[in-house]
C-alpha atoms as a PDB file:
ATOM      1  CA  MET A   1       0.000   0.000   0.000  1.00  0.00           C
ATOM      2  CA  LYS A   2       2.808   2.425   0.880  1.00  0.00           C
ATOM      3  CA  LYS A   3       4.573   1.683  -2.407  1.00  0.00           C
ATOM      4  CA  HIS A   4       1.446   2.581  -4.367  1.00  0.00           C
ATOM      5  CA  LEU A   5       1.054   5.887  -2.522  1.00  0.00           C
ATOM      6  CA  MET A   6       4.711   6.736  -3.041  1.00  0.00           C
ATOM      7  CA  ILE A   7       4.490   5.945  -6.763  1.00  0.00           C
ATOM      8  CA  ILE A   8       1.341   8.071  -7.135  1.00  0.00           C
ATOM      9  CA  ALA A   9       2.972  10.943  -5.229  1.00  0.00           C
ATOM     10  CA  LEU A  10       6.116  10.672  -7.361  1.00  0.00           C
ATOM     11  CA  ILE A  11       4.079  10.705 -10.594  1.00  0.00           C
ATOM     12  CA  ALA A  12       2.109  13.739  -9.345  1.00  0.00           C
ATOM     13  CA  LEU A  13       5.340  15.595  -8.527  1.00  0.00           C
ATOM     14  CA  VAL A  14       6.804  14.797 -11.938  1.00  0.00           C
ATOM     15  CA  LEU A  15       3.642  15.982 -13.687  1.00  0.00           C
ATOM     16  CA  LEU A  16       3.611  19.206 -11.652  1.00  0.00           C
ATOM     17  CA  ALA A  17       7.232  19.845 -12.576  1.00  0.00           C
ATOM     18  CA  ILE A  18       6.671  19.154 -16.281  1.00  0.00           C
ATOM     19  CA  LEU A  19       3.329  20.875 -16.905  1.00  0.00           C
ATOM     20  CA  PRO A  20       3.627  24.646 -17.298  1.00  0.00           C
ATOM     21  CA  ALA A  21       1.598  26.933 -15.087  1.00  0.00           C
ATOM     22  CA  GLN A  22      -1.009  28.922 -16.929  1.00  0.00           C
ATOM     23  CA  ALA A  23      -2.444  32.222 -15.808  1.00  0.00           C
ATOM     24  CA  GLN A  24      -4.631  34.568 -17.761  1.00  0.00           C
ATOM     25  CA  THR A  25      -4.754  37.431 -15.253  1.00  0.00           C
ATOM     26  CA  ILE A  26      -1.963  38.477 -12.907  1.00  0.00           C
ATOM     27  CA  THR A  27      -2.228  40.899 -10.003  1.00  0.00           C
ATOM     28  CA  MET A  28       0.996  42.197  -8.450  1.00  0.00           C
ATOM     29  CA  ALA A  29       1.624  43.044  -4.813  1.00  0.00           C
ATOM     30  CA  ASN A  30       3.828  45.856  -3.561  1.00  0.00           C
ATOM     31  CA  PRO A  31       5.297  44.689  -0.240  1.00  0.00           C
ATOM     32  CA  ASP A  32       7.948  47.383   0.235  1.00  0.00           C
ATOM     33  CA  ASN A  33       5.571  50.381   0.112  1.00  0.00           C
ATOM     34  CA  VAL A  34       7.846  52.296  -2.251  1.00  0.00           C
ATOM     35  CA  GLY A  35       4.832  53.491  -4.177  1.00  0.00           C
ATOM     36  CA  GLN A  36       3.861  52.329  -7.601  1.00  0.00           C
ATOM     37  CA  ARG A  37       6.572  50.303  -9.304  1.00  0.00           C
ATOM     38  CA  ASP A  38       6.631  49.951 -13.071  1.00  0.00           C
ATOM     39  CA  ILE A  39       6.547  46.432 -14.519  1.00  0.00           C
ATOM     40  CA  MET A  40       7.738  45.873 -18.071  1.00  0.00           C
ATOM     41  CA  VAL A  41       6.334  42.765 -19.737  1.00  0.00           C
ATOM     42  CA  TYR A  42       8.023  41.166 -22.742  1.00  0.00           C
ATOM     43  CA  TRP A  43       7.107  38.229 -24.962  1.00  0.00           C
ATOM     44  CA  SER A  44       9.424  35.232 -24.638  1.00  0.00           C
ATOM     45  CA  ASN A  45      11.175  36.271 -27.877  1.00  0.00           C
ATOM     46  CA  GLY A  46      12.151  39.617 -26.303  1.00  0.00           C
ATOM     47  CA  SER A  47       9.634  41.919 -28.006  1.00  0.00           C
ATOM     48  CA  PHE A  48       7.837  44.425 -25.795  1.00  0.00           C
ATOM     49  CA  PHE A  49       4.333  43.467 -24.588  1.00  0.00           C
ATOM     50  CA  GLY A  50       3.436  46.386 -22.308  1.00  0.00           C
ATOM     51  CA  LEU A  51       4.276  48.674 -19.396  1.00  0.00           C
ATOM     52  CA  TYR A  52       2.192  48.319 -16.244  1.00  0.00           C
ATOM     53  CA  ASN A  53       2.457  49.320 -12.603  1.00  0.00           C
ATOM     54  CA  THR A  54       1.956  47.297  -9.439  1.00  0.00           C
ATOM     55  CA  THR A  55      -1.624  48.481  -9.015  1.00  0.00           C
ATOM     56  CA  SER A  56      -2.812  47.435 -12.474  1.00  0.00           C
ATOM     57  CA  ILE A  57      -4.223  44.088 -13.530  1.00  0.00           C
ATOM     58  CA  ILE A  58      -2.280  42.467 -16.358  1.00  0.00           C
ATOM     59  CA  THR A  59      -4.340  40.384 -18.782  1.00  0.00           C
ATOM     60  CA  LEU A  60      -2.268  37.914 -20.783  1.00  0.00           C
ATOM     61  CA  GLU A  61      -3.036  36.456 -24.177  1.00  0.00           C
ATOM     62  CA  GLY A  62      -3.290  32.718 -24.737  1.00  0.00           C
ATOM     63  CA  ASN A  63      -0.731  30.185 -23.593  1.00  0.00           C
ATOM     64  CA  ASP A  64       2.397  32.172 -24.483  1.00  0.00           C
ATOM     65  CA  SER A  65       5.451  32.711 -22.298  1.00  0.00           C
ATOM     66  CA  TYR A  66       6.226  36.119 -20.835  1.00  0.00           C
ATOM     67  CA  ILE A  67       9.151  37.837 -19.129  1.00  0.00           C
ATOM     68  CA  PHE A  68       8.375  40.206 -16.233  1.00  0.00           C
ATOM     69  CA  THR A  69      10.934  42.824 -15.197  1.00  0.00           C
ATOM     70  CA  LEU A  70      10.746  45.577 -12.602  1.00  0.00           C
ATOM     71  CA  LYS A  71      11.790  48.925 -13.966  1.00  0.00           C
ATOM     72  CA  PRO A  72      14.622  50.401 -11.884  1.00  0.00           C
ATOM     73  CA  GLN A  73      13.428  53.160  -9.634  1.00  0.00           C
ATOM     74  CA  LEU A  74      15.554  56.091  -8.573  1.00  0.00           C
ATOM     75  CA  SER A  75      15.294  57.146  -4.963  1.00  0.00           C
ATOM     76  CA  ASN A  76      16.051  60.595  -3.681  1.00  0.00           C
ATOM     77  CA  PRO A  77      16.718  60.807   0.075  1.00  0.00           C
ATOM     78  CA  LEU A  78      15.291  64.330   0.159  1.00  0.00           C
ATOM     79  CA  ASP A  79      11.893  63.199  -1.185  1.00  0.00           C
ATOM     80  CA  ASN A  80      11.220  60.733   1.615  1.00  0.00           C
ATOM     81  CA  PRO A  81      13.949  60.622   4.281  1.00  0.00           C
ATOM     82  CA  GLY A  82      12.094  58.058   6.420  1.00  0.00           C
ATOM     83  CA  THR A  83      12.019  55.474   3.642  1.00  0.00           C
ATOM     84  CA  PHE A  84      15.636  56.215   2.764  1.00  0.00           C
ATOM     85  CA  LEU A  85      16.764  55.672   6.380  1.00  0.00           C
ATOM     86  CA  SER A  86      14.691  52.510   6.674  1.00  0.00           C
ATOM     87  CA  THR A  87      16.236  51.120   3.485  1.00  0.00           C
ATOM     88  CA  THR A  88      19.728  52.123   4.620  1.00  0.00           C
ATOM     89  CA  PHE A  89      19.299  50.491   8.028  1.00  0.00           C
ATOM     90  CA  SER A  90      18.040  47.258   6.464  1.00  0.00           C
ATOM     91  CA  PHE A  91      21.046  47.267   4.078  1.00  0.00           C
ATOM     92  CA  VAL A  92      23.469  47.747   7.002  1.00  0.00           C
ATOM     93  CA  GLU A  93      21.660  45.067   9.007  1.00  0.00           C
ATOM     94  CA  THR A  94      21.918  42.580   6.148  1.00  0.00           C
ATOM     95  CA  ASN A  95      25.568  43.316   5.281  1.00  0.00           C
ATOM     96  CA  LEU A  96      26.962  44.090   8.742  1.00  0.00           C
ATOM     97  CA  VAL A  97      29.778  41.522   8.655  1.00  0.00           C
ATOM     98  CA  ALA A  98      31.033  42.662   5.244  1.00  0.00           C
ATOM     99  CA  LEU A  99      30.909  46.316   6.309  1.00  0.00           C
ATOM    100  CA  VAL A 100      32.889  45.600   9.498  1.00  0.00           C
ATOM    101  CA  ILE A 101      35.547  43.703   7.526  1.00  0.00           C
ATOM    102  CA  LEU A 102      35.792  46.498   4.931  1.00  0.00           C
ATOM    103  CA  THR A 103      36.102  49.110   7.690  1.00  0.00           C
ATOM    104  CA  PHE A 104      38.839  47.070   9.374  1.00  0.00           C
ATOM    105  CA  LEU A 105      40.769  46.672   6.101  1.00  0.00           C
ATOM    106  CA  ALA A 106      40.395  50.372   5.301  1.00  0.00           C
ATOM    107  CA  ALA A 107      41.702  51.274   8.781  1.00  0.00           C
ATOM    108  CA  LEU A 108      44.704  48.973   8.289  1.00  0.00           C
ATOM    109  CA  TRP A 109      45.422  50.464   4.871  1.00  0.00           C
ATOM    110  CA  LEU A 110      45.073  54.069   6.046  1.00  0.00           C
ATOM    111  CA  GLY A 111      47.017  53.378   9.264  1.00  0.00           C
ATOM    112  CA  ARG A 112      50.124  52.315   7.334  1.00  0.00           C
ATOM    113  CA  ARG A 113      50.431  55.676   5.629  1.00  0.00           C
END
């Protein structure tokens, strides 16, 4: 009985891995509260499909493949200093070890002069 269940589960996993996911409508979420982010959608051959933002609903055509890219967004610390500080603190928190090592190496290099 266990062998049959394992074989069925294995076949289901293989089918899920092989069969492509199909979606006709996609809604994006904006978890970082940066405001509206632009999403550029391309066909799988690289031609441009459309420009959307995170609040729009994207309706896709047929069973084609698409490439989704987020348009780079420039941030100005003077526009929203709270968001800039929050982003900076999260960057420092994530890369603290690398920043400490770089500071130590810079101090060694500058101390030899």
